[in-house]
Amino acid sequence: MNMTSLVIKCDHSIIDDFKYEVFDDDRLIYEGYVDIYSPIVNLVRGEGFCSSKIRVFNRSDEQVLIIYKHIKNIVND
């Protein structure tokens, strides 16, 4: 069995959104960003309420994954 070790780094400043970087050894393979405006955008698009959303991109800037946490309420239960 071949095990892969990944390192995830998180950076945040007052001006920027959260940024996640995933490394395989020293090679950056994915970047993730928390979109601060995603709860508003999701509500307008009719995708329900969410408290946070992380968009993950590969090295070709293609979105490969979306991770989000829904807020439970009467509308989306």
C-alpha atoms as a PDB file:
ATOM      1  CA  MET A   1       0.000   0.000   0.000  1.00  0.00           C
ATOM      2  CA  ASN A   2       1.442   3.357  -1.072  1.00  0.00           C
ATOM      3  CA  MET A   3       0.632   6.228   1.305  1.00  0.00           C
ATOM      4  CA  THR A   4       0.545   9.831   0.140  1.00  0.00           C
ATOM      5  CA  SER A   5       1.230  12.617   2.589  1.00  0.00           C
ATOM      6  CA  LEU A   6      -0.469  15.945   1.909  1.00  0.00           C
ATOM      7  CA  VAL A   7       0.195  19.225   3.705  1.00  0.00           C
ATOM      8  CA  ILE A   8      -2.609  21.786   3.949  1.00  0.00           C
ATOM      9  CA  LYS A   9      -1.688  25.384   4.754  1.00  0.00           C
ATOM     10  CA  CYS A  10      -4.183  28.133   5.570  1.00  0.00           C
ATOM     11  CA  ASP A  11      -3.539  31.868   5.286  1.00  0.00           C
ATOM     12  CA  HIS A  12      -5.861  34.708   6.225  1.00  0.00           C
ATOM     13  CA  SER A  13      -5.572  38.452   6.462  1.00  0.00           C
ATOM     14  CA  ILE A  14      -8.108  41.182   7.108  1.00  0.00           C
ATOM     15  CA  ILE A  15      -8.202  42.200   3.428  1.00  0.00           C
ATOM     16  CA  ASP A  16      -8.183  38.702   1.892  1.00  0.00           C
ATOM     17  CA  ASP A  17     -10.501  35.742   2.138  1.00  0.00           C
ATOM     18  CA  PHE A  18      -9.167  32.546   3.673  1.00  0.00           C
ATOM     19  CA  LYS A  19      -6.819  30.767   1.266  1.00  0.00           C
ATOM     20  CA  TYR A  20      -5.928  27.074   1.530  1.00  0.00           C
ATOM     21  CA  GLU A  21      -3.004  25.405  -0.240  1.00  0.00           C
ATOM     22  CA  VAL A  22      -2.557  21.636  -0.562  1.00  0.00           C
ATOM     23  CA  PHE A  23       0.972  20.324  -1.118  1.00  0.00           C
ATOM     24  CA  ASP A  24       2.249  16.880  -2.085  1.00  0.00           C
ATOM     25  CA  ASP A  25       5.804  17.041  -0.718  1.00  0.00           C
ATOM     26  CA  ASP A  26       6.912  20.490  -1.944  1.00  0.00           C
ATOM     27  CA  ARG A  27       4.607  20.529  -4.969  1.00  0.00           C
ATOM     28  CA  LEU A  28       1.478  22.693  -4.788  1.00  0.00           C
ATOM     29  CA  ILE A  29      -1.409  20.631  -6.184  1.00  0.00           C
ATOM     30  CA  TYR A  30      -4.585  22.480  -5.123  1.00  0.00           C
ATOM     31  CA  GLU A  31      -5.609  25.918  -3.903  1.00  0.00           C
ATOM     32  CA  GLY A  32      -8.827  26.639  -2.046  1.00  0.00           C
ATOM     33  CA  TYR A  33     -10.541  29.925  -1.297  1.00  0.00           C
ATOM     34  CA  VAL A  34     -13.356  30.815   1.084  1.00  0.00           C
ATOM     35  CA  ASP A  35     -15.775  33.134  -0.648  1.00  0.00           C
ATOM     36  CA  ILE A  36     -17.073  35.665   1.884  1.00  0.00           C
ATOM     37  CA  TYR A  37     -19.991  36.645  -0.372  1.00  0.00           C
ATOM     38  CA  SER A  38     -21.102  33.058  -1.063  1.00  0.00           C
ATOM     39  CA  PRO A  39     -24.042  33.060   1.393  1.00  0.00           C
ATOM     40  CA  ILE A  40     -25.610  36.005  -0.469  1.00  0.00           C
ATOM     41  CA  VAL A  41     -24.840  34.592  -3.942  1.00  0.00           C
ATOM     42  CA  ASN A  42     -26.229  31.137  -3.034  1.00  0.00           C
ATOM     43  CA  LEU A  43     -29.435  32.687  -1.718  1.00  0.00           C
ATOM     44  CA  VAL A  44     -29.932  34.742  -4.915  1.00  0.00           C
ATOM     45  CA  ARG A  45     -29.286  31.665  -7.100  1.00  0.00           C
ATOM     46  CA  GLY A  46     -31.800  29.650  -5.097  1.00  0.00           C
ATOM     47  CA  GLU A  47     -29.155  27.207  -3.826  1.00  0.00           C
ATOM     48  CA  GLY A  48     -30.200  27.633  -0.186  1.00  0.00           C
ATOM     49  CA  PHE A  49     -28.518  29.254   2.762  1.00  0.00           C
ATOM     50  CA  CYS A  50     -24.916  28.379   3.561  1.00  0.00           C
ATOM     51  CA  SER A  51     -22.600  29.633   6.278  1.00  0.00           C
ATOM     52  CA  SER A  52     -19.365  29.039   4.369  1.00  0.00           C
ATOM     53  CA  LYS A  53     -18.150  27.819   0.998  1.00  0.00           C
ATOM     54  CA  ILE A  54     -14.665  26.758  -0.117  1.00  0.00           C
ATOM     55  CA  ARG A  55     -13.855  26.559  -3.838  1.00  0.00           C
ATOM     56  CA  VAL A  56     -10.876  24.322  -4.742  1.00  0.00           C
ATOM     57  CA  PHE A  57      -8.861  24.765  -7.945  1.00  0.00           C
ATOM     58  CA  ASN A  58      -6.160  22.609  -9.537  1.00  0.00           C
ATOM     59  CA  ARG A  59      -2.946  24.023 -11.017  1.00  0.00           C
ATOM     60  CA  SER A  60      -4.739  24.722 -14.327  1.00  0.00           C
ATOM     61  CA  ASP A  61      -7.176  27.023 -12.474  1.00  0.00           C
ATOM     62  CA  GLU A  62     -10.043  24.573 -13.060  1.00  0.00           C
ATOM     63  CA  GLN A  63     -12.510  24.330 -10.192  1.00  0.00           C
ATOM     64  CA  VAL A  64     -12.417  20.716  -9.003  1.00  0.00           C
ATOM     65  CA  LEU A  65     -14.367  20.825  -5.746  1.00  0.00           C
ATOM     66  CA  ILE A  66     -16.832  22.931  -3.765  1.00  0.00           C
ATOM     67  CA  ILE A  67     -17.205  22.394  -0.027  1.00  0.00           C
ATOM     68  CA  TYR A  68     -19.997  24.233   1.730  1.00  0.00           C
ATOM     69  CA  LYS A  69     -21.941  24.054   4.951  1.00  0.00           C
ATOM     70  CA  HIS A  70     -25.689  24.607   4.760  1.00  0.00           C
ATOM     71  CA  ILE A  71     -27.563  26.398   7.504  1.00  0.00           C
ATOM     72  CA  LYS A  72     -30.591  24.375   8.571  1.00  0.00           C
ATOM     73  CA  ASN A  73     -33.824  26.363   8.475  1.00  0.00           C
ATOM     74  CA  ILE A  74     -37.445  25.993   7.415  1.00  0.00           C
ATOM     75  CA  VAL A  75     -36.648  26.819   3.775  1.00  0.00           C
ATOM     76  CA  ASN A  76     -34.051  24.085   3.100  1.00  0.00           C
ATOM     77  CA  ASP A  77     -34.918  21.379   5.684  1.00  0.00           C
END
